[in-house]
């Protein structure tokens, strides 16, 4: 007999929890953290999550996984889930999910550098040009860069390819979903069905209960 799970609540060590069939989370990743279950130098982002999130599901694949990775010094919007299909959809370059980064460059930017980022630059491990989907200079040393793929250290390597260097990197948006202004660094929050729809046109109600 089917069990109605909408609005179901329970408690973990006397702390109230709402039932979620699948976990879809956002985390404001702080600097000085690694997106790894076994970090090498810095604390893991998973230590920022409560035990019921880290341990849900049980077994070897317990807990949520980061959807892609941000470098230890990169801050901003990070998604986590235990839904393998969602992780694949968001990570696959086939789906071209745009991700917007706010960048602080070491040296002043100019129109030539912006033009090269839009036209495409060649990275060491890729014979074809890698282009920004959008690029807008927002200050003498700052710009907003939109990518639809996620190569290793891509933003830093693209800036290096135009003769500059990244001093600060912050992911501000995924799809049409902005990192909430009231979510402080190190804090996490459940994603709502509306959030999921804004992130990647995910149908409302995809494995998500209230």
N, C-alpha and C. Protein backbone atom coordinates (compact mmCIF):
# COMPACT_ATOMS: atom_id res chain seq x y z
N UNK A 1 0.84 -1.20 0.00
CA UNK A 1 0.00 0.00 0.00
C UNK A 1 0.88 1.25 0.00
N UNK A 2 0.69 2.16 -0.97
CA UNK A 2 1.52 3.36 -1.04
C UNK A 2 1.41 4.19 0.24
N UNK A 3 2.52 4.77 0.61
CA UNK A 3 2.57 5.63 1.79
C UNK A 3 2.67 7.08 1.35
N UNK A 4 1.80 7.93 1.84
CA UNK A 4 1.83 9.35 1.51
C UNK A 4 2.99 10.00 2.27
N UNK A 5 3.95 10.56 1.50
CA UNK A 5 5.14 11.13 2.13
C UNK A 5 5.14 12.65 2.15
N UNK A 6 4.26 13.28 1.38
CA UNK A 6 4.23 14.74 1.34
C UNK A 6 3.93 15.31 2.73
N UNK A 7 4.78 16.18 3.18
CA UNK A 7 4.59 16.80 4.49
C UNK A 7 4.98 15.92 5.66
N UNK A 8 5.57 14.75 5.38
CA UNK A 8 5.98 13.84 6.44
C UNK A 8 7.17 14.40 7.20
N UNK A 9 7.11 14.36 8.52
CA UNK A 9 8.20 14.82 9.36
C UNK A 9 8.58 13.71 10.34
N UNK A 10 9.82 13.71 10.76
CA UNK A 10 10.30 12.78 11.76
C UNK A 10 11.39 13.48 12.54
N UNK A 11 12.02 12.81 13.48
CA UNK A 11 13.07 13.44 14.25
C UNK A 11 14.33 12.58 14.25
N UNK A 12 15.47 13.24 14.25
CA UNK A 12 16.77 12.59 14.34
C UNK A 12 17.47 13.15 15.57
N UNK A 13 17.66 12.30 16.57
CA UNK A 13 18.26 12.73 17.83
C UNK A 13 17.52 13.96 18.37
N UNK A 14 16.20 13.84 18.34
CA UNK A 14 15.29 14.86 18.88
C UNK A 14 15.24 16.15 18.05
N UNK A 15 15.89 16.15 16.88
CA UNK A 15 15.83 17.30 15.99
C UNK A 15 14.81 17.02 14.88
N UNK A 16 13.82 17.90 14.67
CA UNK A 16 12.80 17.65 13.64
C UNK A 16 13.37 17.75 12.23
N UNK A 17 12.93 16.82 11.36
CA UNK A 17 13.36 16.80 9.97
C UNK A 17 12.15 16.57 9.08
N UNK A 18 12.15 17.21 7.92
CA UNK A 18 11.13 16.93 6.91
C UNK A 18 11.64 15.81 6.01
N UNK A 19 10.73 14.96 5.57
CA UNK A 19 11.10 13.85 4.69
C UNK A 19 11.37 14.34 3.27
N UNK A 20 12.48 13.88 2.68
CA UNK A 20 12.81 14.17 1.29
C UNK A 20 13.19 12.85 0.62
N UNK A 21 12.44 12.48 -0.40
CA UNK A 21 12.75 11.23 -1.11
C UNK A 21 14.16 11.27 -1.69
N UNK A 22 14.51 12.38 -2.29
CA UNK A 22 15.86 12.62 -2.79
C UNK A 22 16.34 13.95 -2.23
N UNK A 23 17.64 14.05 -2.03
CA UNK A 23 18.21 15.28 -1.47
C UNK A 23 18.73 16.16 -2.60
N UNK A 24 18.27 17.42 -2.59
CA UNK A 24 18.76 18.44 -3.50
C UNK A 24 19.09 19.66 -2.65
N UNK A 25 20.38 19.99 -2.57
CA UNK A 25 20.83 21.04 -1.66
C UNK A 25 21.62 22.09 -2.41
N UNK A 26 21.65 23.29 -1.83
CA UNK A 26 22.60 24.31 -2.25
C UNK A 26 23.50 24.61 -1.06
N UNK A 27 24.75 24.89 -1.34
CA UNK A 27 25.72 25.26 -0.32
C UNK A 27 26.47 26.49 -0.79
N UNK A 28 26.62 27.46 0.09
CA UNK A 28 27.49 28.61 -0.20
C UNK A 28 28.89 28.19 0.23
N UNK A 29 29.65 27.73 -0.74
CA UNK A 29 30.99 27.20 -0.43
C UNK A 29 31.91 28.33 0.00
N UNK A 30 32.54 28.17 1.18
CA UNK A 30 33.52 29.18 1.60
C UNK A 30 34.91 28.85 1.04
N UNK A 31 35.78 29.83 1.03
CA UNK A 31 37.17 29.59 0.64
C UNK A 31 37.84 28.68 1.66
N UNK A 32 38.89 28.00 1.22
CA UNK A 32 39.63 27.15 2.14
C UNK A 32 38.94 25.84 2.46
N UNK A 33 38.13 25.34 1.52
CA UNK A 33 37.48 24.04 1.67
C UNK A 33 37.62 23.26 0.37
N UNK A 34 37.63 21.93 0.49
CA UNK A 34 37.77 21.05 -0.67
C UNK A 34 36.47 20.30 -0.92
N UNK A 35 36.14 20.11 -2.21
CA UNK A 35 34.94 19.35 -2.59
C UNK A 35 35.30 17.87 -2.70
N UNK A 36 35.77 17.30 -1.61
CA UNK A 36 36.22 15.91 -1.60
C UNK A 36 35.83 15.27 -0.29
N UNK A 37 35.48 13.98 -0.37
CA UNK A 37 35.20 13.22 0.85
C UNK A 37 36.49 12.93 1.61
N UNK A 38 37.62 12.95 0.89
CA UNK A 38 38.92 12.69 1.51
C UNK A 38 39.87 13.84 1.15
N UNK A 39 39.70 14.99 1.79
CA UNK A 39 40.51 16.17 1.45
C UNK A 39 41.98 15.94 1.77
N UNK A 40 42.83 16.63 1.00
CA UNK A 40 44.27 16.46 1.19
C UNK A 40 44.88 17.54 2.07
N UNK A 41 44.35 18.76 2.00
CA UNK A 41 44.98 19.88 2.71
C UNK A 41 43.98 20.69 3.53
N UNK A 42 42.82 20.94 2.95
CA UNK A 42 41.83 21.81 3.59
C UNK A 42 40.63 20.98 4.06
N UNK A 43 39.80 21.53 4.94
CA UNK A 43 38.61 20.80 5.39
C UNK A 43 37.66 20.49 4.24
N UNK A 44 36.94 19.41 4.35
CA UNK A 44 35.98 19.01 3.34
C UNK A 44 34.69 19.83 3.47
N UNK A 45 34.07 20.12 2.34
CA UNK A 45 32.78 20.82 2.37
C UNK A 45 31.72 19.97 3.06
N UNK A 46 31.93 18.66 3.07
CA UNK A 46 30.93 17.77 3.67
C UNK A 46 30.85 17.93 5.19
N UNK A 47 31.90 18.47 5.79
CA UNK A 47 31.85 18.70 7.24
C UNK A 47 30.89 19.85 7.58
N UNK A 48 30.45 20.60 6.56
CA UNK A 48 29.51 21.70 6.79
C UNK A 48 28.07 21.21 6.84
N UNK A 49 27.86 19.94 6.51
CA UNK A 49 26.52 19.37 6.46
C UNK A 49 26.25 18.54 7.72
N UNK A 50 25.00 18.49 8.17
CA UNK A 50 24.68 17.69 9.34
C UNK A 50 24.76 16.20 9.04
N UNK A 51 24.92 15.39 10.08
CA UNK A 51 25.09 13.95 9.92
C UNK A 51 23.96 13.28 9.14
N UNK A 52 22.68 13.64 9.36
CA UNK A 52 21.63 12.98 8.59
C UNK A 52 21.75 13.17 7.08
N UNK A 53 22.35 14.28 6.66
CA UNK A 53 22.58 14.51 5.23
C UNK A 53 23.78 13.69 4.76
N UNK A 54 24.84 13.68 5.54
CA UNK A 54 26.05 12.94 5.15
C UNK A 54 25.83 11.44 5.14
N UNK A 55 24.92 10.95 5.96
CA UNK A 55 24.76 9.50 6.13
C UNK A 55 23.51 8.94 5.47
N UNK A 56 22.68 9.78 4.87
CA UNK A 56 21.41 9.28 4.32
C UNK A 56 21.66 8.23 3.25
N UNK A 57 20.84 7.20 3.29
CA UNK A 57 20.95 6.13 2.30
C UNK A 57 21.74 4.95 2.79
N UNK A 58 22.79 5.20 3.58
CA UNK A 58 23.62 4.12 4.08
C UNK A 58 24.44 3.46 2.98
N UNK A 59 25.27 2.52 3.36
CA UNK A 59 26.08 1.79 2.39
C UNK A 59 27.28 2.57 1.92
N UNK A 60 27.96 2.03 0.89
CA UNK A 60 29.20 2.64 0.40
C UNK A 60 28.96 3.99 -0.25
N UNK A 61 27.75 4.18 -0.81
CA UNK A 61 27.45 5.44 -1.51
C UNK A 61 26.55 6.34 -0.66
N UNK A 62 26.72 6.29 0.64
CA UNK A 62 25.87 7.07 1.53
C UNK A 62 26.10 8.56 1.34
N UNK A 63 25.05 9.32 1.62
CA UNK A 63 25.17 10.77 1.62
C UNK A 63 25.03 11.39 0.25
N UNK A 64 25.20 12.70 0.22
CA UNK A 64 25.09 13.46 -1.02
C UNK A 64 26.47 13.64 -1.64
N UNK A 65 26.47 13.97 -2.93
CA UNK A 65 27.69 14.27 -3.65
C UNK A 65 27.62 15.67 -4.24
N UNK A 66 28.76 16.32 -4.31
CA UNK A 66 28.81 17.63 -4.96
C UNK A 66 28.61 17.45 -6.45
N UNK A 67 27.83 18.35 -7.04
CA UNK A 67 27.60 18.33 -8.49
C UNK A 67 28.72 19.15 -9.12
N UNK A 68 29.78 18.47 -9.54
CA UNK A 68 30.97 19.17 -9.99
C UNK A 68 31.77 19.64 -8.80
N UNK A 69 32.90 20.26 -9.05
CA UNK A 69 33.77 20.70 -7.97
C UNK A 69 34.19 22.15 -8.17
N UNK A 70 34.43 22.82 -7.06
CA UNK A 70 35.04 24.14 -7.06
C UNK A 70 36.38 24.03 -6.35
N UNK A 71 37.37 24.76 -6.85
CA UNK A 71 38.69 24.75 -6.22
C UNK A 71 38.61 25.20 -4.77
N UNK A 72 39.62 24.87 -3.99
CA UNK A 72 39.60 25.21 -2.56
C UNK A 72 39.48 26.71 -2.32
N UNK A 73 40.01 27.54 -3.22
CA UNK A 73 39.95 28.99 -3.02
C UNK A 73 38.76 29.64 -3.73
N UNK A 74 37.94 28.85 -4.41
CA UNK A 74 36.75 29.37 -5.09
C UNK A 74 35.55 29.32 -4.16
N UNK A 75 34.76 30.37 -4.19
CA UNK A 75 33.58 30.44 -3.33
C UNK A 75 32.31 30.40 -4.19
N UNK A 76 31.17 30.30 -3.49
CA UNK A 76 29.91 30.48 -4.19
C UNK A 76 29.01 29.26 -4.24
N UNK A 77 28.13 29.26 -5.23
CA UNK A 77 27.02 28.30 -5.32
C UNK A 77 27.51 26.91 -5.70
N UNK A 78 27.21 25.95 -4.83
CA UNK A 78 27.55 24.56 -5.07
C UNK A 78 26.28 23.73 -4.82
N UNK A 79 25.97 22.84 -5.74
CA UNK A 79 24.82 21.96 -5.60
C UNK A 79 25.28 20.60 -5.10
N UNK A 80 24.44 19.95 -4.31
CA UNK A 80 24.72 18.60 -3.83
C UNK A 80 23.45 17.78 -3.92
N UNK A 81 23.59 16.47 -4.19
CA UNK A 81 22.43 15.62 -4.30
C UNK A 81 22.83 14.16 -4.13
N UNK A 82 21.82 13.31 -3.88
CA UNK A 82 22.04 11.86 -3.90
C UNK A 82 21.27 11.24 -5.06
N UNK A 83 20.83 12.07 -5.99
CA UNK A 83 20.11 11.64 -7.18
C UNK A 83 21.11 11.55 -8.34
N UNK A 84 21.48 10.33 -8.71
CA UNK A 84 22.49 10.15 -9.75
C UNK A 84 22.10 10.74 -11.09
N UNK A 85 20.82 10.65 -11.46
CA UNK A 85 20.39 11.21 -12.74
C UNK A 85 20.51 12.73 -12.75
N UNK A 86 20.17 13.34 -11.62
CA UNK A 86 20.28 14.80 -11.52
C UNK A 86 21.75 15.22 -11.60
N UNK A 87 22.62 14.51 -10.89
CA UNK A 87 24.05 14.83 -10.91
C UNK A 87 24.59 14.72 -12.33
N UNK A 88 24.21 13.66 -13.03
CA UNK A 88 24.68 13.47 -14.41
C UNK A 88 24.16 14.58 -15.32
N UNK A 89 22.88 14.91 -15.18
CA UNK A 89 22.29 15.95 -16.02
C UNK A 89 23.01 17.28 -15.83
N UNK A 90 23.31 17.61 -14.57
CA UNK A 90 23.93 18.89 -14.28
C UNK A 90 25.41 18.91 -14.65
N UNK A 91 26.05 17.75 -14.65
CA UNK A 91 27.50 17.68 -14.90
C UNK A 91 27.83 17.49 -16.38
N UNK A 92 26.92 16.90 -17.13
CA UNK A 92 27.21 16.57 -18.52
C UNK A 92 27.29 17.83 -19.38
N UNK A 93 28.36 17.96 -20.17
CA UNK A 93 28.47 19.13 -21.06
C UNK A 93 27.41 19.12 -22.16
N UNK A 94 26.75 17.98 -22.39
CA UNK A 94 25.72 17.91 -23.43
C UNK A 94 24.54 18.83 -23.13
N UNK A 95 24.30 19.08 -21.84
CA UNK A 95 23.13 19.85 -21.46
C UNK A 95 23.40 21.36 -21.41
N UNK A 96 24.66 21.75 -21.49
CA UNK A 96 25.03 23.17 -21.59
C UNK A 96 24.35 24.03 -20.52
N UNK A 97 24.40 23.58 -19.28
CA UNK A 97 23.83 24.37 -18.20
C UNK A 97 24.77 25.54 -17.91
N UNK A 98 24.32 26.80 -18.08
CA UNK A 98 25.23 27.94 -17.89
C UNK A 98 25.56 28.16 -16.42
N UNK A 99 26.81 28.49 -16.17
CA UNK A 99 27.28 28.81 -14.83
C UNK A 99 27.99 30.16 -14.90
N UNK A 100 27.60 31.07 -14.03
CA UNK A 100 28.11 32.44 -14.07
C UNK A 100 29.08 32.65 -12.92
N UNK A 101 30.26 33.18 -13.26
CA UNK A 101 31.32 33.42 -12.29
C UNK A 101 31.65 34.90 -12.21
N UNK A 102 31.81 35.38 -11.00
CA UNK A 102 32.32 36.74 -10.77
C UNK A 102 33.82 36.61 -10.52
N UNK A 103 34.60 37.31 -11.33
CA UNK A 103 36.06 37.14 -11.31
C UNK A 103 36.74 38.45 -10.95
N UNK A 104 37.73 38.35 -10.09
CA UNK A 104 38.64 39.46 -9.83
C UNK A 104 39.98 39.10 -10.44
N UNK A 105 40.44 39.90 -11.39
CA UNK A 105 41.68 39.62 -12.10
C UNK A 105 42.86 40.34 -11.43
N UNK A 106 44.05 39.80 -11.62
CA UNK A 106 45.25 40.39 -11.04
C UNK A 106 45.57 41.73 -11.68
N UNK A 107 45.38 41.82 -13.01
CA UNK A 107 45.75 43.02 -13.75
C UNK A 107 44.51 43.64 -14.39
N UNK A 108 44.55 44.93 -14.70
CA UNK A 108 43.41 45.57 -15.36
C UNK A 108 43.03 44.85 -16.65
N UNK A 109 41.73 44.77 -16.89
CA UNK A 109 41.21 44.12 -18.08
C UNK A 109 41.02 45.13 -19.20
N UNK A 110 40.98 44.66 -20.43
CA UNK A 110 40.70 45.55 -21.55
C UNK A 110 39.80 44.83 -22.55
N UNK A 111 39.33 45.56 -23.53
CA UNK A 111 38.38 45.02 -24.50
C UNK A 111 38.99 43.88 -25.32
N UNK A 112 40.30 43.93 -25.51
CA UNK A 112 40.95 42.87 -26.28
C UNK A 112 40.87 41.53 -25.53
N UNK A 113 41.10 41.57 -24.22
CA UNK A 113 41.01 40.35 -23.44
C UNK A 113 39.58 39.82 -23.43
N UNK A 114 38.62 40.72 -23.27
CA UNK A 114 37.22 40.30 -23.27
C UNK A 114 36.86 39.67 -24.62
N UNK A 115 37.33 40.28 -25.69
CA UNK A 115 37.05 39.76 -27.02
C UNK A 115 37.63 38.37 -27.22
N UNK A 116 38.84 38.14 -26.72
CA UNK A 116 39.47 36.82 -26.85
C UNK A 116 38.70 35.76 -26.07
N UNK A 117 38.21 36.12 -24.90
CA UNK A 117 37.45 35.17 -24.11
C UNK A 117 36.15 34.77 -24.82
N UNK A 118 35.55 35.72 -25.52
CA UNK A 118 34.32 35.45 -26.26
C UNK A 118 34.60 34.69 -27.56
N UNK A 119 35.70 35.01 -28.22
CA UNK A 119 36.05 34.35 -29.48
C UNK A 119 36.58 32.94 -29.26
N UNK A 120 37.24 32.73 -28.14
CA UNK A 120 37.78 31.41 -27.82
C UNK A 120 39.28 31.42 -27.64
N UNK A 121 39.75 30.71 -26.63
CA UNK A 121 41.17 30.57 -26.37
C UNK A 121 41.50 29.08 -26.36
N UNK A 122 42.73 28.74 -26.68
CA UNK A 122 43.16 27.35 -26.73
C UNK A 122 43.86 26.99 -25.42
N UNK A 123 43.39 25.93 -24.77
CA UNK A 123 44.00 25.44 -23.55
C UNK A 123 44.94 24.28 -23.88
N UNK A 124 45.86 23.99 -22.99
CA UNK A 124 46.91 23.02 -23.26
C UNK A 124 46.38 21.64 -23.65
N UNK A 125 45.29 21.20 -23.03
CA UNK A 125 44.81 19.84 -23.24
C UNK A 125 43.64 19.75 -24.22
N UNK A 126 43.37 20.83 -24.93
CA UNK A 126 42.22 20.85 -25.83
C UNK A 126 42.61 21.56 -27.12
N UNK A 127 42.64 20.85 -28.24
CA UNK A 127 43.09 21.48 -29.49
C UNK A 127 42.12 22.53 -30.02
N UNK A 128 40.85 22.44 -29.65
CA UNK A 128 39.87 23.40 -30.13
C UNK A 128 39.73 24.58 -29.20
N UNK A 129 39.24 25.71 -29.69
CA UNK A 129 39.08 26.89 -28.84
C UNK A 129 37.96 26.69 -27.81
N UNK A 130 38.19 27.25 -26.64
CA UNK A 130 37.20 27.20 -25.56
C UNK A 130 36.66 28.63 -25.40
N UNK A 131 35.35 28.79 -25.54
CA UNK A 131 34.74 30.11 -25.55
C UNK A 131 33.88 30.34 -24.32
N UNK A 132 33.81 31.59 -23.91
CA UNK A 132 32.84 31.98 -22.89
C UNK A 132 31.49 32.18 -23.57
N UNK A 133 30.42 31.71 -22.94
CA UNK A 133 29.09 31.92 -23.49
C UNK A 133 28.70 33.39 -23.39
N UNK A 134 29.23 34.06 -22.37
CA UNK A 134 29.01 35.49 -22.18
C UNK A 134 30.15 36.02 -21.34
N UNK A 135 30.49 37.27 -21.53
CA UNK A 135 31.59 37.87 -20.77
C UNK A 135 31.37 39.38 -20.73
N UNK A 136 31.32 39.92 -19.52
CA UNK A 136 31.07 41.36 -19.36
C UNK A 136 32.02 41.92 -18.32
N UNK A 137 32.75 42.96 -18.69
CA UNK A 137 33.63 43.63 -17.74
C UNK A 137 32.77 44.46 -16.79
N UNK A 138 32.98 44.27 -15.49
CA UNK A 138 32.17 44.97 -14.49
C UNK A 138 32.97 45.99 -13.69
N UNK A 139 34.27 46.06 -13.93
CA UNK A 139 35.14 47.01 -13.24
C UNK A 139 36.52 46.94 -13.86
N UNK A 140 37.43 47.74 -13.38
CA UNK A 140 38.77 47.75 -13.97
C UNK A 140 39.40 46.36 -13.94
N UNK A 141 39.22 45.64 -12.85
CA UNK A 141 39.82 44.31 -12.69
C UNK A 141 38.78 43.22 -12.42
N UNK A 142 37.52 43.47 -12.76
CA UNK A 142 36.48 42.49 -12.48
C UNK A 142 35.64 42.22 -13.73
N UNK A 143 35.13 41.00 -13.83
CA UNK A 143 34.26 40.64 -14.93
C UNK A 143 33.33 39.53 -14.53
N UNK A 144 32.26 39.40 -15.29
CA UNK A 144 31.30 38.32 -15.14
C UNK A 144 31.46 37.41 -16.34
N UNK A 145 31.70 36.12 -16.08
CA UNK A 145 31.99 35.15 -17.14
C UNK A 145 31.01 34.00 -17.05
N UNK A 146 30.40 33.65 -18.18
CA UNK A 146 29.45 32.54 -18.23
C UNK A 146 30.03 31.39 -19.04
N UNK A 147 30.03 30.19 -18.45
CA UNK A 147 30.52 28.99 -19.12
C UNK A 147 29.41 27.95 -19.16
N UNK A 148 29.45 27.09 -20.18
CA UNK A 148 28.48 26.01 -20.28
C UNK A 148 29.17 24.65 -20.24
N UNK A 149 30.43 24.62 -19.86
CA UNK A 149 31.17 23.38 -19.68
C UNK A 149 32.03 23.53 -18.45
N UNK A 150 32.67 22.47 -18.02
CA UNK A 150 33.42 22.54 -16.77
C UNK A 150 34.75 21.82 -16.84
N UNK A 151 35.67 22.33 -17.62
CA UNK A 151 37.00 21.74 -17.71
C UNK A 151 37.81 22.07 -16.46
N UNK A 152 38.85 21.30 -16.23
CA UNK A 152 39.71 21.43 -15.06
C UNK A 152 40.31 22.84 -14.99
N UNK A 153 40.06 23.55 -13.88
CA UNK A 153 40.60 24.91 -13.68
C UNK A 153 40.30 25.81 -14.87
N UNK A 154 39.13 25.65 -15.48
CA UNK A 154 38.86 26.31 -16.76
C UNK A 154 38.93 27.83 -16.68
N UNK A 155 38.30 28.43 -15.69
CA UNK A 155 38.29 29.89 -15.62
C UNK A 155 39.71 30.43 -15.46
N UNK A 156 40.47 29.83 -14.57
CA UNK A 156 41.83 30.30 -14.32
C UNK A 156 42.70 30.13 -15.56
N UNK A 157 42.53 29.04 -16.26
CA UNK A 157 43.34 28.80 -17.45
C UNK A 157 42.94 29.72 -18.60
N UNK A 158 41.64 30.03 -18.70
CA UNK A 158 41.21 30.96 -19.75
C UNK A 158 41.76 32.36 -19.51
N UNK A 159 41.75 32.79 -18.24
CA UNK A 159 42.31 34.12 -17.95
C UNK A 159 43.81 34.14 -18.22
N UNK A 160 44.49 33.05 -17.87
CA UNK A 160 45.93 32.97 -18.14
C UNK A 160 46.20 33.02 -19.64
N UNK A 161 45.30 32.43 -20.44
CA UNK A 161 45.50 32.39 -21.89
C UNK A 161 45.38 33.76 -22.53
N UNK A 162 44.74 34.73 -21.86
CA UNK A 162 44.64 36.08 -22.41
C UNK A 162 45.61 37.03 -21.69
N UNK A 163 46.56 36.46 -20.94
CA UNK A 163 47.61 37.27 -20.33
C UNK A 163 47.25 37.89 -19.00
N UNK A 164 46.33 37.28 -18.28
CA UNK A 164 45.94 37.81 -16.98
C UNK A 164 45.96 36.67 -15.96
N UNK A 165 45.45 36.95 -14.78
CA UNK A 165 45.46 35.94 -13.72
C UNK A 165 44.27 36.16 -12.79
N UNK A 166 43.69 35.06 -12.31
CA UNK A 166 42.55 35.13 -11.40
C UNK A 166 43.04 35.30 -9.97
N UNK A 167 42.59 36.36 -9.33
CA UNK A 167 42.89 36.56 -7.91
C UNK A 167 41.70 36.18 -7.02
N UNK A 168 40.50 36.25 -7.57
CA UNK A 168 39.30 35.89 -6.82
C UNK A 168 38.26 35.30 -7.75
N UNK A 169 37.61 34.19 -7.31
CA UNK A 169 36.65 33.51 -8.17
C UNK A 169 35.44 33.09 -7.34
N UNK A 170 34.26 33.47 -7.81
CA UNK A 170 33.01 33.23 -7.07
C UNK A 170 31.93 32.80 -8.05
N UNK A 171 31.32 31.63 -7.82
CA UNK A 171 30.22 31.21 -8.70
C UNK A 171 28.92 31.78 -8.16
N UNK A 172 28.29 32.61 -8.97
CA UNK A 172 27.12 33.36 -8.52
C UNK A 172 25.81 32.78 -9.01
N UNK A 173 25.83 31.99 -10.08
CA UNK A 173 24.57 31.53 -10.67
C UNK A 173 24.77 30.21 -11.39
N UNK A 174 23.74 29.36 -11.34
CA UNK A 174 23.67 28.15 -12.16
C UNK A 174 22.31 28.18 -12.84
N UNK A 175 22.31 28.06 -14.18
CA UNK A 175 21.06 28.22 -14.92
C UNK A 175 20.57 29.64 -14.73
N UNK A 176 19.35 29.79 -14.27
CA UNK A 176 18.83 31.12 -13.94
C UNK A 176 18.63 31.27 -12.44
N UNK A 177 19.33 30.44 -11.67
CA UNK A 177 19.20 30.46 -10.21
C UNK A 177 20.42 31.15 -9.60
N UNK A 178 20.19 32.23 -8.87
CA UNK A 178 21.27 32.98 -8.22
C UNK A 178 21.47 32.48 -6.79
N UNK A 179 22.71 32.49 -6.35
CA UNK A 179 23.00 32.20 -4.95
C UNK A 179 22.26 33.21 -4.09
N UNK A 180 21.39 32.76 -3.17
CA UNK A 180 20.62 33.71 -2.36
C UNK A 180 21.53 34.64 -1.55
N UNK A 181 21.17 35.90 -1.52
CA UNK A 181 21.98 36.89 -0.82
C UNK A 181 22.03 36.64 0.68
N UNK A 182 20.98 35.97 1.20
CA UNK A 182 20.94 35.74 2.65
C UNK A 182 21.52 34.40 3.07
N UNK A 183 22.14 33.68 2.13
CA UNK A 183 22.80 32.42 2.47
C UNK A 183 24.28 32.70 2.68
N UNK A 184 24.71 32.74 3.92
CA UNK A 184 26.09 33.10 4.25
C UNK A 184 27.05 31.98 3.88
N UNK A 185 28.31 32.34 3.71
CA UNK A 185 29.35 31.35 3.40
C UNK A 185 29.35 30.27 4.47
N UNK A 186 29.34 29.01 4.02
CA UNK A 186 29.33 27.88 4.93
C UNK A 186 27.95 27.36 5.25
N UNK A 187 26.90 28.07 4.84
CA UNK A 187 25.54 27.64 5.11
C UNK A 187 24.98 26.83 3.93
N UNK A 188 24.02 25.97 4.22
CA UNK A 188 23.36 25.16 3.20
C UNK A 188 21.85 25.30 3.34
N UNK A 189 21.14 24.85 2.30
CA UNK A 189 19.69 24.95 2.31
C UNK A 189 19.12 23.93 1.33
N UNK A 190 17.93 23.41 1.64
CA UNK A 190 17.23 22.55 0.68
C UNK A 190 16.82 23.38 -0.54
N UNK A 191 16.92 22.78 -1.72
CA UNK A 191 16.40 23.41 -2.93
C UNK A 191 14.92 23.08 -3.05
N UNK A 192 14.13 24.07 -3.40
CA UNK A 192 12.70 23.86 -3.63
C UNK A 192 12.48 23.38 -5.07
N UNK A 193 11.31 22.85 -5.38
CA UNK A 193 11.01 22.51 -6.77
C UNK A 193 11.17 23.71 -7.71
N UNK A 194 10.82 24.89 -7.23
CA UNK A 194 10.98 26.10 -8.06
C UNK A 194 12.45 26.41 -8.29
N UNK A 195 13.28 26.19 -7.28
CA UNK A 195 14.73 26.38 -7.44
C UNK A 195 15.27 25.44 -8.51
N UNK A 196 14.85 24.18 -8.45
CA UNK A 196 15.31 23.18 -9.41
C UNK A 196 14.91 23.56 -10.83
N UNK A 197 13.69 24.07 -10.98
CA UNK A 197 13.23 24.49 -12.30
C UNK A 197 14.08 25.63 -12.84
N UNK A 198 14.49 26.54 -11.96
CA UNK A 198 15.32 27.67 -12.38
C UNK A 198 16.74 27.23 -12.71
N UNK A 199 17.22 26.19 -12.05
CA UNK A 199 18.60 25.75 -12.26
C UNK A 199 18.78 25.13 -13.63
N UNK A 200 17.89 24.23 -14.01
CA UNK A 200 18.13 23.53 -15.27
C UNK A 200 16.86 23.01 -15.91
N UNK A 201 15.79 23.76 -15.79
CA UNK A 201 14.51 23.33 -16.35
C UNK A 201 14.13 21.94 -15.85
N UNK A 202 14.47 21.66 -14.60
CA UNK A 202 14.11 20.38 -13.99
C UNK A 202 12.63 20.42 -13.67
N UNK A 203 11.85 19.43 -14.07
CA UNK A 203 10.41 19.44 -13.79
C UNK A 203 10.14 19.56 -12.30
N UNK A 204 9.20 20.41 -11.95
CA UNK A 204 8.83 20.58 -10.55
C UNK A 204 8.36 19.24 -10.01
N UNK A 205 8.87 18.86 -8.82
CA UNK A 205 8.47 17.61 -8.18
C UNK A 205 9.38 16.46 -8.52
N UNK A 206 10.54 16.69 -9.17
CA UNK A 206 11.46 15.62 -9.51
C UNK A 206 12.01 15.00 -8.22
N UNK A 207 11.36 13.93 -7.77
CA UNK A 207 11.86 13.20 -6.62
C UNK A 207 11.93 14.02 -5.36
N UNK A 208 11.24 15.13 -5.30
CA UNK A 208 11.38 16.03 -4.16
C UNK A 208 10.07 16.14 -3.43
N UNK A 209 10.10 15.88 -2.14
CA UNK A 209 8.91 16.04 -1.31
C UNK A 209 9.07 17.26 -0.46
N UNK A 210 7.97 17.81 -0.01
CA UNK A 210 8.02 19.03 0.79
C UNK A 210 8.73 18.79 2.09
